[in-house]
Amino acid sequence: MNYHTLWVWQESMALATAVLRHVSDSKHYFFRDQIGRSALSIPSNIAEAMVRDTMADRRRILFYAIGSSAELETQLAIGKDLNWLTHPDIKQWQNTNTRIQISLHRLTNSLSQT
């Protein structure tokens, strides 16, 4: 399957790019590193999953993407609470991340039915 055509991959790429641009100059290195890794991991795991040969491998790696999305959700909330993330689009990022999680769950479920 061509993951480039998947909405969830496209949205997770856009979200990762937006988050990384915003945190790239953060003075909180450990936070910048962790949130960057989580954001990057979502589209990376989707891409990896979709090129795997077996449905079991695809599902397993998509669960990693779901986990990274949950990590990002937590880090966005903490960053916002600490005023380390002050970008006006943070609420939009959180909403996009929620839609990504829902889409990943649906994709994972659809793979188990094939």
Protein backbone atom coordinates (compact mmCIF):
# COMPACT_ATOMS: atom_id res chain seq x y z
CA MET A 1 0.00 0.00 0.00
CA ASN A 2 1.23 3.48 -0.84
CA TYR A 3 1.29 5.24 2.51
CA HIS A 4 1.78 8.62 0.80
CA THR A 5 -1.90 8.59 -0.14
CA LEU A 6 -3.12 7.94 3.41
CA TRP A 7 -4.72 10.95 5.10
CA VAL A 8 -3.32 9.85 8.45
CA TRP A 9 0.25 9.83 7.12
CA GLN A 10 -0.17 13.22 5.42
CA GLU A 11 -1.68 14.82 8.55
CA SER A 12 0.93 13.32 10.85
CA MET A 13 3.66 14.65 8.55
CA ALA A 14 2.14 18.14 8.67
CA LEU A 15 1.74 17.96 12.45
CA ALA A 16 5.32 16.77 12.96
CA THR A 17 6.63 19.58 10.76
CA ALA A 18 4.62 22.22 12.62
CA VAL A 19 5.66 20.98 16.06
CA LEU A 20 9.32 20.62 15.10
CA ARG A 21 9.42 24.12 13.63
CA HIS A 22 7.99 25.56 16.82
CA VAL A 23 10.21 23.73 19.30
CA SER A 24 13.45 23.87 17.31
CA ASP A 25 14.75 26.83 19.30
CA SER A 26 13.38 25.79 22.69
CA LYS A 27 15.84 26.26 25.54
CA HIS A 28 14.41 23.13 27.18
CA TYR A 29 16.55 20.62 25.32
CA PHE A 30 15.10 17.49 26.94
CA PHE A 31 11.55 18.61 26.15
CA ARG A 32 12.44 19.63 22.59
CA ASP A 33 14.14 16.28 22.05
CA GLN A 34 11.30 14.20 23.46
CA ILE A 35 8.42 16.01 21.75
CA GLY A 36 10.38 15.99 18.51
CA ARG A 37 10.92 12.25 18.73
CA SER A 38 7.25 11.61 19.42
CA ALA A 39 6.09 13.83 16.57
CA LEU A 40 8.58 12.26 14.12
CA SER A 41 7.72 8.76 15.19
CA ILE A 42 4.07 8.91 14.16
CA PRO A 43 4.46 9.30 10.36
CA SER A 44 7.67 7.23 10.42
CA ASN A 45 5.88 4.27 12.00
CA ILE A 46 2.94 4.61 9.62
CA ALA A 47 5.32 4.48 6.67
CA GLU A 48 7.19 1.50 8.09
CA ALA A 49 3.97 -0.36 8.87
CA MET A 50 2.53 0.04 5.42
CA VAL A 51 5.55 -1.48 3.68
CA ARG A 52 5.59 -4.60 5.86
CA ASP A 53 4.63 -7.90 4.29
CA THR A 54 2.26 -9.28 6.90
CA MET A 55 -0.87 -7.78 8.39
CA ALA A 56 0.37 -8.74 11.85
CA ASP A 57 3.54 -6.67 11.33
CA ARG A 58 1.53 -3.76 9.97
CA ARG A 59 -0.82 -3.76 12.94
CA ARG A 60 2.01 -4.09 15.47
CA ILE A 61 3.89 -1.11 14.05
CA LEU A 62 0.71 0.96 13.74
CA PHE A 63 0.23 0.39 17.47
CA TYR A 64 3.66 2.01 17.93
CA ALA A 65 2.36 5.03 15.99
CA ILE A 66 -0.68 5.15 18.28
CA GLY A 67 1.63 5.06 21.29
CA SER A 68 3.74 7.89 19.89
CA SER A 69 0.59 9.89 19.28
CA ALA A 70 -0.41 9.39 22.93
CA GLU A 71 3.06 10.56 23.98
CA LEU A 72 2.72 13.64 21.79
CA GLU A 73 -0.71 14.34 23.28
CA THR A 74 0.80 14.31 26.76
CA GLN A 75 3.79 16.43 25.79
CA LEU A 76 1.61 19.04 24.07
CA ALA A 77 -0.49 19.33 27.23
CA ILE A 78 2.55 19.61 29.51
CA GLY A 79 4.25 22.10 27.21
CA LYS A 80 1.11 24.20 27.14
CA ASP A 81 0.66 24.05 30.94
CA LEU A 82 4.28 25.12 31.52
CA ASN A 83 4.07 27.86 28.85
CA TRP A 84 6.91 26.17 27.00
CA LEU A 85 4.58 25.92 24.00
CA THR A 86 2.92 29.21 23.27
CA HIS A 87 2.09 28.87 19.59
CA PRO A 88 -1.48 29.97 18.75
CA ASP A 89 -2.12 26.67 16.94
CA ILE A 90 -1.52 24.36 19.93
CA LYS A 91 -5.24 23.60 20.34
CA GLN A 92 -5.42 22.80 16.62
CA TRP A 93 -2.39 20.52 16.97
CA GLN A 94 -4.10 18.73 19.85
CA ASN A 95 -7.29 18.29 17.81
CA THR A 96 -5.33 17.05 14.80
CA ASN A 97 -3.47 14.58 16.99
CA THR A 98 -6.78 13.27 18.35
CA ARG A 99 -8.08 12.75 14.80
CA ILE A 100 -4.81 10.99 13.93
CA GLN A 101 -5.27 8.60 16.87
CA ILE A 102 -8.84 7.83 15.81
CA SER A 103 -7.76 7.24 12.23
CA LEU A 104 -4.91 4.96 13.32
CA HIS A 105 -7.29 2.88 15.42
CA ARG A 106 -9.66 2.57 12.46
CA LEU A 107 -6.82 1.63 10.13
CA THR A 108 -5.56 -0.98 12.59
CA ASN A 109 -9.05 -2.42 12.94
CA SER A 110 -9.51 -2.55 9.17
CA LEU A 111 -6.27 -4.51 8.81
CA SER A 112 -7.48 -7.10 11.29
CA GLN A 113 -10.58 -7.69 9.16
CA THR A 114 -8.65 -8.50 5.99
